[in-house]
Amino acid sequence: MEDRVRFAFEKLLNIAHQDTGQGRRVANFILAWWNAEVHGGFDLTDLANVDPHIGEDMATIFTWLAREEDLVYPHDYRSEIEQIIARWRPQAQTA
């Protein structure tokens, strides 16, 4: 993961831990990437409901993923993502 992508993702992870509407939307984005089948997809209209800099960080991740030859998952952040799952999807598995 490139440094600029890592920086954007780490900012999103911090927001996803917050108990706010933006935190929920960012968590939806991250969890859709992690496992959409288990945790649900991401509603693109949610981009209108986050601050522009948050949407730009999401776009950074999305653009980076689109340029990769194979789908990449943020396995290095598994424990942090599991915390987000526990907060926002307590009924779901950590798959």
PDB file of N, CA and C in Angstrom:
ATOM      1  N   MET A   1       0.857  -1.170   0.000  1.00  0.00           N
ATOM      2  CA  MET A   1       0.000   0.000   0.000  1.00  0.00           C
ATOM      3  C   MET A   1       0.908   1.240   0.000  1.00  0.00           C
ATOM      4  N   GLU A   2       0.660   2.113  -0.915  1.00  0.00           N
ATOM      5  CA  GLU A   2       1.437   3.352  -1.000  1.00  0.00           C
ATOM      6  C   GLU A   2       1.211   4.203   0.249  1.00  0.00           C
ATOM      7  N   ASP A   3       2.188   5.042   0.569  1.00  0.00           N
ATOM      8  CA  ASP A   3       2.089   5.873   1.776  1.00  0.00           C
ATOM      9  C   ASP A   3       0.849   6.757   1.767  1.00  0.00           C
ATOM     10  N   ARG A   4       0.534   7.393   0.646  1.00  0.00           N
ATOM     11  CA  ARG A   4      -0.628   8.284   0.590  1.00  0.00           C
ATOM     12  C   ARG A   4      -1.929   7.514   0.808  1.00  0.00           C
ATOM     13  N   VAL A   5      -1.963   6.279   0.331  1.00  0.00           N
ATOM     14  CA  VAL A   5      -3.145   5.433   0.506  1.00  0.00           C
ATOM     15  C   VAL A   5      -3.234   4.984   1.958  1.00  0.00           C
ATOM     16  N   ARG A   6      -2.122   4.587   2.505  1.00  0.00           N
ATOM     17  CA  ARG A   6      -2.076   4.167   3.916  1.00  0.00           C
ATOM     18  C   ARG A   6      -2.521   5.312   4.830  1.00  0.00           C
ATOM     19  N   PHE A   7      -2.034   6.519   4.544  1.00  0.00           N
ATOM     20  CA  PHE A   7      -2.401   7.681   5.348  1.00  0.00           C
ATOM     21  C   PHE A   7      -3.903   7.940   5.269  1.00  0.00           C
ATOM     22  N   ALA A   8      -4.468   7.881   4.064  1.00  0.00           N
ATOM     23  CA  ALA A   8      -5.911   8.079   3.887  1.00  0.00           C
ATOM     24  C   ALA A   8      -6.687   6.998   4.630  1.00  0.00           C
ATOM     25  N   PHE A   9      -6.238   5.759   4.524  1.00  0.00           N
ATOM     26  CA  PHE A   9      -6.942   4.658   5.177  1.00  0.00           C
ATOM     27  C   PHE A   9      -6.878   4.783   6.692  1.00  0.00           C
ATOM     28  N   GLU A  10      -5.734   5.145   7.209  1.00  0.00           N
ATOM     29  CA  GLU A  10      -5.615   5.290   8.661  1.00  0.00           C
ATOM     30  C   GLU A  10      -6.496   6.423   9.181  1.00  0.00           C
ATOM     31  N   LYS A  11      -6.639   7.489   8.417  1.00  0.00           N
ATOM     32  CA  LYS A  11      -7.575   8.553   8.824  1.00  0.00           C
ATOM     33  C   LYS A  11      -9.000   8.015   8.838  1.00  0.00           C
ATOM     34  N   LEU A  12      -9.355   7.217   7.833  1.00  0.00           N
ATOM     35  CA  LEU A  12     -10.695   6.633   7.794  1.00  0.00           C
ATOM     36  C   LEU A  12     -10.924   5.671   8.953  1.00  0.00           C
ATOM     37  N   LEU A  13      -9.924   4.884   9.290  1.00  0.00           N
ATOM     38  CA  LEU A  13     -10.062   3.982  10.434  1.00  0.00           C
ATOM     39  C   LEU A  13     -10.363   4.762  11.709  1.00  0.00           C
ATOM     40  N   ASN A  14      -9.676   5.860  11.910  1.00  0.00           N
ATOM     41  CA  ASN A  14      -9.927   6.682  13.102  1.00  0.00           C
ATOM     42  C   ASN A  14     -11.353   7.196  13.129  1.00  0.00           C
ATOM     43  N   ILE A  15     -11.862   7.612  11.993  1.00  0.00           N
ATOM     44  CA  ILE A  15     -13.235   8.127  11.920  1.00  0.00           C
ATOM     45  C   ILE A  15     -14.237   7.004  12.165  1.00  0.00           C
ATOM     46  N   ALA A  16     -13.955   5.812  11.642  1.00  0.00           N
ATOM     47  CA  ALA A  16     -14.880   4.680  11.789  1.00  0.00           C
ATOM     48  C   ALA A  16     -15.073   4.259  13.237  1.00  0.00           C
ATOM     49  N   HIS A  17     -14.167   4.622  14.110  1.00  0.00           N
ATOM     50  CA  HIS A  17     -14.293   4.305  15.538  1.00  0.00           C
ATOM     51  C   HIS A  17     -15.191   5.304  16.268  1.00  0.00           C
ATOM     52  N   GLN A  18     -15.529   6.408  15.620  1.00  0.00           N
ATOM     53  CA  GLN A  18     -16.334   7.448  16.265  1.00  0.00           C
ATOM     54  C   GLN A  18     -17.816   7.105  16.206  1.00  0.00           C
ATOM     55  N   ASP A  19     -18.524   7.431  17.254  1.00  0.00           N
ATOM     56  CA  ASP A  19     -19.958   7.172  17.334  1.00  0.00           C
ATOM     57  C   ASP A  19     -20.720   8.360  16.737  1.00  0.00           C
ATOM     58  N   THR A  20     -20.561   8.519  15.426  1.00  0.00           N
ATOM     59  CA  THR A  20     -21.205   9.618  14.701  1.00  0.00           C
ATOM     60  C   THR A  20     -21.780   9.072  13.402  1.00  0.00           C
ATOM     61  N   GLY A  21     -22.584   9.878  12.737  1.00  0.00           N
ATOM     62  CA  GLY A  21     -23.101   9.480  11.426  1.00  0.00           C
ATOM     63  C   GLY A  21     -21.983   9.282  10.425  1.00  0.00           C
ATOM     64  N   GLN A  22     -21.003  10.159  10.472  1.00  0.00           N
ATOM     65  CA  GLN A  22     -19.863  10.010   9.565  1.00  0.00           C
ATOM     66  C   GLN A  22     -19.061   8.758   9.911  1.00  0.00           C
ATOM     67  N   GLY A  23     -18.919   8.477  11.205  1.00  0.00           N
ATOM     68  CA  GLY A  23     -18.229   7.264  11.631  1.00  0.00           C
ATOM     69  C   GLY A  23     -18.926   6.021  11.096  1.00  0.00           C
ATOM     70  N   ARG A  24     -20.243   6.010  11.159  1.00  0.00           N
ATOM     71  CA  ARG A  24     -21.023   4.871  10.646  1.00  0.00           C
ATOM     72  C   ARG A  24     -20.840   4.724   9.141  1.00  0.00           C
ATOM     73  N   ARG A  25     -20.873   5.832   8.430  1.00  0.00           N
ATOM     74  CA  ARG A  25     -20.713   5.777   6.973  1.00  0.00           C
ATOM     75  C   ARG A  25     -19.318   5.307   6.577  1.00  0.00           C
ATOM     76  N   VAL A  26     -18.315   5.792   7.272  1.00  0.00           N
ATOM     77  CA  VAL A  26     -16.945   5.357   6.989  1.00  0.00           C
ATOM     78  C   VAL A  26     -16.787   3.882   7.341  1.00  0.00           C
ATOM     79  N   ALA A  27     -17.375   3.454   8.449  1.00  0.00           N
ATOM     80  CA  ALA A  27     -17.333   2.031   8.806  1.00  0.00           C
ATOM     81  C   ALA A  27     -17.988   1.200   7.713  1.00  0.00           C
ATOM     82  N   ASN A  28     -19.114   1.659   7.180  1.00  0.00           N
ATOM     83  CA  ASN A  28     -19.778   0.943   6.084  1.00  0.00           C
ATOM     84  C   ASN A  28     -18.844   0.792   4.892  1.00  0.00           C
ATOM     85  N   PHE A  29     -18.116   1.854   4.577  1.00  0.00           N
ATOM     86  CA  PHE A  29     -17.172   1.833   3.461  1.00  0.00           C
ATOM     87  C   PHE A  29     -16.070   0.795   3.709  1.00  0.00           C
ATOM     88  N   ILE A  30     -15.469   0.848   4.874  1.00  0.00           N
ATOM     89  CA  ILE A  30     -14.377  -0.074   5.204  1.00  0.00           C
ATOM     90  C   ILE A  30     -14.870  -1.514   5.248  1.00  0.00           C
ATOM     91  N   LEU A  31     -16.025  -1.735   5.860  1.00  0.00           N
ATOM     92  CA  LEU A  31     -16.529  -3.097   6.008  1.00  0.00           C
ATOM     93  C   LEU A  31     -17.025  -3.668   4.687  1.00  0.00           C
ATOM     94  N   ALA A  32     -17.483  -2.813   3.776  1.00  0.00           N
ATOM     95  CA  ALA A  32     -17.849  -3.285   2.439  1.00  0.00           C
ATOM     96  C   ALA A  32     -16.619  -3.797   1.708  1.00  0.00           C
ATOM     97  N   TRP A  33     -15.490  -3.132   1.920  1.00  0.00           N
ATOM     98  CA  TRP A  33     -14.228  -3.585   1.325  1.00  0.00           C
ATOM     99  C   TRP A  33     -13.781  -4.886   1.993  1.00  0.00           C
ATOM    100  N   TRP A  34     -13.879  -4.942   3.302  1.00  0.00           N
ATOM    101  CA  TRP A  34     -13.403  -6.104   4.054  1.00  0.00           C
ATOM    102  C   TRP A  34     -14.186  -7.357   3.680  1.00  0.00           C
ATOM    103  N   ASN A  35     -15.522  -7.258   3.673  1.00  0.00           N
ATOM    104  CA  ASN A  35     -16.356  -8.405   3.325  1.00  0.00           C
ATOM    105  C   ASN A  35     -17.800  -7.938   3.146  1.00  0.00           C
ATOM    106  N   ALA A  36     -18.129  -7.524   1.932  1.00  0.00           N
ATOM    107  CA  ALA A  36     -19.458  -6.981   1.655  1.00  0.00           C
ATOM    108  C   ALA A  36     -20.558  -8.018   1.839  1.00  0.00           C
ATOM    109  N   GLU A  37     -20.246  -9.269   1.563  1.00  0.00           N
ATOM    110  CA  GLU A  37     -21.252 -10.318   1.704  1.00  0.00           C
ATOM    111  C   GLU A  37     -21.719 -10.448   3.147  1.00  0.00           C
ATOM    112  N   VAL A  38     -20.801 -10.325   4.077  1.00  0.00           N
ATOM    113  CA  VAL A  38     -21.129 -10.453   5.501  1.00  0.00           C
ATOM    114  C   VAL A  38     -21.572  -9.121   6.094  1.00  0.00           C
ATOM    115  N   HIS A  39     -20.890  -8.027   5.736  1.00  0.00           N
ATOM    116  CA  HIS A  39     -21.093  -6.747   6.410  1.00  0.00           C
ATOM    117  C   HIS A  39     -21.894  -5.725   5.628  1.00  0.00           C
ATOM    118  N   GLY A  40     -22.314  -6.065   4.435  1.00  0.00           N
ATOM    119  CA  GLY A  40     -23.114  -5.152   3.632  1.00  0.00           C
ATOM    120  C   GLY A  40     -22.260  -4.287   2.720  1.00  0.00           C
ATOM    121  N   GLY A  41     -22.919  -3.726   1.732  1.00  0.00           N
ATOM    122  CA  GLY A  41     -22.248  -2.877   0.766  1.00  0.00           C
ATOM    123  C   GLY A  41     -22.159  -1.440   1.237  1.00  0.00           C
ATOM    124  N   PHE A  42     -21.685  -0.599   0.361  1.00  0.00           N
ATOM    125  CA  PHE A  42     -21.555   0.824   0.653  1.00  0.00           C
ATOM    126  C   PHE A  42     -22.465   1.593  -0.288  1.00  0.00           C
ATOM    127  N   ASP A  43     -23.340   2.397   0.273  1.00  0.00           N
ATOM    128  CA  ASP A  43     -24.261   3.223  -0.499  1.00  0.00           C
ATOM    129  C   ASP A  43     -23.524   4.476  -0.956  1.00  0.00           C
ATOM    130  N   LEU A  44     -23.328   4.623  -2.250  1.00  0.00           N
ATOM    131  CA  LEU A  44     -22.573   5.761  -2.763  1.00  0.00           C
ATOM    132  C   LEU A  44     -23.205   7.109  -2.415  1.00  0.00           C
ATOM    133  N   THR A  45     -24.500   7.135  -2.134  1.00  0.00           N
ATOM    134  CA  THR A  45     -25.113   8.400  -1.725  1.00  0.00           C
ATOM    135  C   THR A  45     -24.589   8.866  -0.370  1.00  0.00           C
ATOM    136  N   ASP A  46     -23.969   7.956   0.379  1.00  0.00           N
ATOM    137  CA  ASP A  46     -23.374   8.351   1.661  1.00  0.00           C
ATOM    138  C   ASP A  46     -22.215   9.328   1.473  1.00  0.00           C
ATOM    139  N   LEU A  47     -21.653   9.379   0.269  1.00  0.00           N
ATOM    140  CA  LEU A  47     -20.588  10.355   0.021  1.00  0.00           C
ATOM    141  C   LEU A  47     -21.087  11.782   0.225  1.00  0.00           C
ATOM    142  N   ALA A  48     -22.379  12.004  -0.010  1.00  0.00           N
ATOM    143  CA  ALA A  48     -22.954  13.339   0.178  1.00  0.00           C
ATOM    144  C   ALA A  48     -23.131  13.678   1.652  1.00  0.00           C
ATOM    145  N   ASN A  49     -22.978  12.680   2.513  1.00  0.00           N
ATOM    146  CA  ASN A  49     -23.216  12.872   3.941  1.00  0.00           C
ATOM    147  C   ASN A  49     -21.954  12.776   4.790  1.00  0.00           C
ATOM    148  N   VAL A  50     -20.806  12.919   4.145  1.00  0.00           N
ATOM    149  CA  VAL A  50     -19.541  13.000   4.869  1.00  0.00           C
ATOM    150  C   VAL A  50     -18.844  14.285   4.446  1.00  0.00           C
ATOM    151  N   ASP A  51     -17.956  14.760   5.296  1.00  0.00           N
ATOM    152  CA  ASP A  51     -17.187  15.952   4.956  1.00  0.00           C
ATOM    153  C   ASP A  51     -16.365  15.688   3.698  1.00  0.00           C
ATOM    154  N   PRO A  52     -16.129  16.738   2.897  1.00  0.00           N
ATOM    155  CA  PRO A  52     -15.381  16.547   1.645  1.00  0.00           C
ATOM    156  C   PRO A  52     -14.029  15.858   1.821  1.00  0.00           C
ATOM    157  N   HIS A  53     -13.290  16.179   2.882  1.00  0.00           N
ATOM    158  CA  HIS A  53     -11.979  15.535   3.043  1.00  0.00           C
ATOM    159  C   HIS A  53     -12.122  14.039   3.320  1.00  0.00           C
ATOM    160  N   ILE A  54     -13.204  13.633   3.946  1.00  0.00           N
ATOM    161  CA  ILE A  54     -13.451  12.208   4.180  1.00  0.00           C
ATOM    162  C   ILE A  54     -13.777  11.525   2.851  1.00  0.00           C
ATOM    163  N   GLY A  55     -14.622  12.167   2.051  1.00  0.00           N
ATOM    164  CA  GLY A  55     -14.938  11.626   0.733  1.00  0.00           C
ATOM    165  C   GLY A  55     -13.699  11.512  -0.140  1.00  0.00           C
ATOM    166  N   GLU A  56     -12.798  12.463  -0.018  1.00  0.00           N
ATOM    167  CA  GLU A  56     -11.547  12.408  -0.784  1.00  0.00           C
ATOM    168  C   GLU A  56     -10.681  11.232  -0.334  1.00  0.00           C
ATOM    169  N   ASP A  57     -10.650  10.964   0.969  1.00  0.00           N
ATOM    170  CA  ASP A  57      -9.895   9.804   1.449  1.00  0.00           C
ATOM    171  C   ASP A  57     -10.528   8.503   0.941  1.00  0.00           C
ATOM    172  N   MET A  58     -11.846   8.442   0.912  1.00  0.00           N
ATOM    173  CA  MET A  58     -12.519   7.268   0.355  1.00  0.00           C
ATOM    174  C   MET A  58     -12.169   7.124  -1.124  1.00  0.00           C
ATOM    175  N   ALA A  59     -12.171   8.232  -1.845  1.00  0.00           N
ATOM    176  CA  ALA A  59     -11.830   8.200  -3.267  1.00  0.00           C
ATOM    177  C   ALA A  59     -10.389   7.746  -3.483  1.00  0.00           C
ATOM    178  N   THR A  60      -9.493   8.137  -2.589  1.00  0.00           N
ATOM    179  CA  THR A  60      -8.103   7.695  -2.677  1.00  0.00           C
ATOM    180  C   THR A  60      -8.027   6.173  -2.600  1.00  0.00           C
ATOM    181  N   ILE A  61      -8.759   5.592  -1.652  1.00  0.00           N
ATOM    182  CA  ILE A  61      -8.767   4.136  -1.490  1.00  0.00           C
ATOM    183  C   ILE A  61      -9.382   3.483  -2.727  1.00  0.00           C
ATOM    184  N   PHE A  62     -10.518   4.002  -3.147  1.00  0.00           N
ATOM    185  CA  PHE A  62     -11.236   3.428  -4.291  1.00  0.00           C
ATOM    186  C   PHE A  62     -10.380   3.476  -5.557  1.00  0.00           C
ATOM    187  N   THR A  63      -9.739   4.614  -5.797  1.00  0.00           N
ATOM    188  CA  THR A  63      -8.899   4.769  -6.984  1.00  0.00           C
ATOM    189  C   THR A  63      -7.709   3.825  -6.930  1.00  0.00           C
ATOM    190  N   TRP A  64      -7.084   3.721  -5.772  1.00  0.00           N
ATOM    191  CA  TRP A  64      -5.953   2.810  -5.613  1.00  0.00           C
ATOM    192  C   TRP A  64      -6.384   1.373  -5.891  1.00  0.00           C
ATOM    193  N   LEU A  65      -7.532   0.971  -5.336  1.00  0.00           N
ATOM    194  CA  LEU A  65      -8.020  -0.387  -5.561  1.00  0.00           C
ATOM    195  C   LEU A  65      -8.293  -0.638  -7.043  1.00  0.00           C
ATOM    196  N   ALA A  66      -8.834   0.353  -7.720  1.00  0.00           N
ATOM    197  CA  ALA A  66      -9.154   0.206  -9.145  1.00  0.00           C
ATOM    198  C   ALA A  66      -7.896   0.011  -9.990  1.00  0.00           C
ATOM    199  N   ARG A  67      -6.781   0.523  -9.535  1.00  0.00           N
ATOM    200  CA  ARG A  67      -5.526   0.428 -10.293  1.00  0.00           C
ATOM    201  C   ARG A  67      -4.733  -0.840  -9.994  1.00  0.00           C
ATOM    202  N   GLU A  68      -5.081  -1.529  -8.927  1.00  0.00           N
ATOM    203  CA  GLU A  68      -4.387  -2.765  -8.579  1.00  0.00           C
ATOM    204  C   GLU A  68      -4.843  -3.888  -9.519  1.00  0.00           C
ATOM    205  N   GLU A  69      -3.915  -4.771  -9.867  1.00  0.00           N
ATOM    206  CA  GLU A  69      -4.262  -5.890 -10.750  1.00  0.00           C
ATOM    207  C   GLU A  69      -5.155  -6.912 -10.048  1.00  0.00           C
ATOM    208  N   ASP A  70      -4.910  -7.135  -8.775  1.00  0.00           N
ATOM    209  CA  ASP A  70      -5.704  -8.060  -7.977  1.00  0.00           C
ATOM    210  C   ASP A  70      -6.323  -7.291  -6.823  1.00  0.00           C
ATOM    211  N   LEU A  71      -7.463  -7.778  -6.358  1.00  0.00           N
ATOM    212  CA  LEU A  71      -8.099  -7.128  -5.218  1.00  0.00           C
ATOM    213  C   LEU A  71      -7.207  -7.279  -3.990  1.00  0.00           C
ATOM    214  N   VAL A  72      -7.003  -6.184  -3.301  1.00  0.00           N
ATOM    215  CA  VAL A  72      -6.143  -6.140  -2.121  1.00  0.00           C
ATOM    216  C   VAL A  72      -7.017  -5.855  -0.906  1.00  0.00           C
ATOM    217  N   TYR A  73      -6.760  -6.570   0.168  1.00  0.00           N
ATOM    218  CA  TYR A  73      -7.473  -6.337   1.416  1.00  0.00           C
ATOM    219  C   TYR A  73      -6.504  -5.795   2.453  1.00  0.00           C
ATOM    220  N   PRO A  74      -6.985  -4.999   3.390  1.00  0.00           N
ATOM    221  CA  PRO A  74      -6.100  -4.402   4.404  1.00  0.00           C
ATOM    222  C   PRO A  74      -5.808  -5.350   5.566  1.00  0.00           C
ATOM    223  N   HIS A  75      -5.207  -6.488   5.275  1.00  0.00           N
ATOM    224  CA  HIS A  75      -4.942  -7.513   6.298  1.00  0.00           C
ATOM    225  C   HIS A  75      -4.066  -7.008   7.435  1.00  0.00           C
ATOM    226  N   ASP A  76      -3.186  -6.056   7.153  1.00  0.00           N
ATOM    227  CA  ASP A  76      -2.327  -5.515   8.215  1.00  0.00           C
ATOM    228  C   ASP A  76      -3.132  -4.804   9.303  1.00  0.00           C
ATOM    229  N   TYR A  77      -4.366  -4.471   9.003  1.00  0.00           N
ATOM    230  CA  TYR A  77      -5.226  -3.732   9.928  1.00  0.00           C
ATOM    231  C   TYR A  77      -6.364  -4.609  10.464  1.00  0.00           C
ATOM    232  N   ARG A  78      -6.197  -5.896  10.376  1.00  0.00           N
ATOM    233  CA  ARG A  78      -7.269  -6.820  10.766  1.00  0.00           C
ATOM    234  C   ARG A  78      -7.789  -6.564  12.188  1.00  0.00           C
ATOM    235  N   SER A  79      -6.901  -6.407  13.147  1.00  0.00           N
ATOM    236  CA  SER A  79      -7.373  -6.243  14.531  1.00  0.00           C
ATOM    237  C   SER A  79      -8.182  -4.955  14.673  1.00  0.00           C
ATOM    238  N   GLU A  80      -7.763  -3.915  14.011  1.00  0.00           N
ATOM    239  CA  GLU A  80      -8.517  -2.663  14.082  1.00  0.00           C
ATOM    240  C   GLU A  80      -9.871  -2.791  13.377  1.00  0.00           C
ATOM    241  N   ILE A  81      -9.889  -3.491  12.263  1.00  0.00           N
ATOM    242  CA  ILE A  81     -11.153  -3.713  11.555  1.00  0.00           C
ATOM    243  C   ILE A  81     -12.075  -4.582  12.391  1.00  0.00           C
ATOM    244  N   GLU A  82     -11.530  -5.550  13.090  1.00  0.00           N
ATOM    245  CA  GLU A  82     -12.355  -6.373  13.974  1.00  0.00           C
ATOM    246  C   GLU A  82     -12.991  -5.531  15.079  1.00  0.00           C
ATOM    247  N   GLN A  83     -12.290  -4.505  15.546  1.00  0.00           N
ATOM    248  CA  GLN A  83     -12.868  -3.584  16.528  1.00  0.00           C
ATOM    249  C   GLN A  83     -14.032  -2.807  15.915  1.00  0.00           C
ATOM    250  N   ILE A  84     -13.879  -2.416  14.665  1.00  0.00           N
ATOM    251  CA  ILE A  84     -14.958  -1.699  13.965  1.00  0.00           C
ATOM    252  C   ILE A  84     -16.150  -2.627  13.769  1.00  0.00           C
ATOM    253  N   ILE A  85     -15.876  -3.879  13.434  1.00  0.00           N
ATOM    254  CA  ILE A  85     -16.960  -4.857  13.299  1.00  0.00           C
ATOM    255  C   ILE A  85     -17.693  -5.014  14.631  1.00  0.00           C
ATOM    256  N   ALA A  86     -16.944  -5.122  15.715  1.00  0.00           N
ATOM    257  CA  ALA A  86     -17.564  -5.277  17.034  1.00  0.00           C
ATOM    258  C   ALA A  86     -18.436  -4.073  17.373  1.00  0.00           C
ATOM    259  N   ARG A  87     -18.012  -2.902  16.961  1.00  0.00           N
ATOM    260  CA  ARG A  87     -18.771  -1.687  17.258  1.00  0.00           C
ATOM    261  C   ARG A  87     -20.017  -1.560  16.381  1.00  0.00           C
ATOM    262  N   TRP A  88     -19.859  -1.759  15.079  1.00  0.00           N
ATOM    263  CA  TRP A  88     -20.934  -1.464  14.135  1.00  0.00           C
ATOM    264  C   TRP A  88     -21.697  -2.690  13.651  1.00  0.00           C
ATOM    265  N   ARG A  89     -21.116  -3.874  13.759  1.00  0.00           N
ATOM    266  CA  ARG A  89     -21.778  -5.106  13.315  1.00  0.00           C
ATOM    267  C   ARG A  89     -21.599  -6.198  14.365  1.00  0.00           C
ATOM    268  N   PRO A  90     -22.024  -5.976  15.585  1.00  0.00           N
ATOM    269  CA  PRO A  90     -21.773  -6.955  16.644  1.00  0.00           C
ATOM    270  C   PRO A  90     -22.388  -8.325  16.362  1.00  0.00           C
ATOM    271  N   GLN A  91     -23.416  -8.376  15.542  1.00  0.00           N
ATOM    272  CA  GLN A  91     -24.066  -9.641  15.224  1.00  0.00           C
ATOM    273  C   GLN A  91     -23.331 -10.416  14.144  1.00  0.00           C
ATOM    274  N   ALA A  92     -22.381  -9.777  13.452  1.00  0.00           N
ATOM    275  CA  ALA A  92     -21.694 -10.406  12.316  1.00  0.00           C
ATOM    276  C   ALA A  92     -20.445 -11.152  12.749  1.00  0.00           C
ATOM    277  N   GLN A  93     -20.036 -12.067  11.919  1.00  0.00           N
ATOM    278  CA  GLN A  93     -18.779 -12.753  12.126  1.00  0.00           C
ATOM    279  C   GLN A  93     -17.651 -11.816  11.723  1.00  0.00           C
ATOM    280  N   THR A  94     -16.441 -12.117  12.122  1.00  0.00           N
ATOM    281  CA  THR A  94     -15.285 -11.309  11.751  1.00  0.00           C
ATOM    282  C   THR A  94     -14.646 -11.815  10.466  1.00  0.00           C
ATOM    283  N   ALA A  95     -15.415 -12.455   9.650  1.00  0.00           N
ATOM    284  CA  ALA A  95     -14.887 -12.994   8.380  1.00  0.00           C
ATOM    285  C   ALA A  95     -14.428 -11.881   7.460  1.00  0.00           C
TER     286      ALA A  95
END
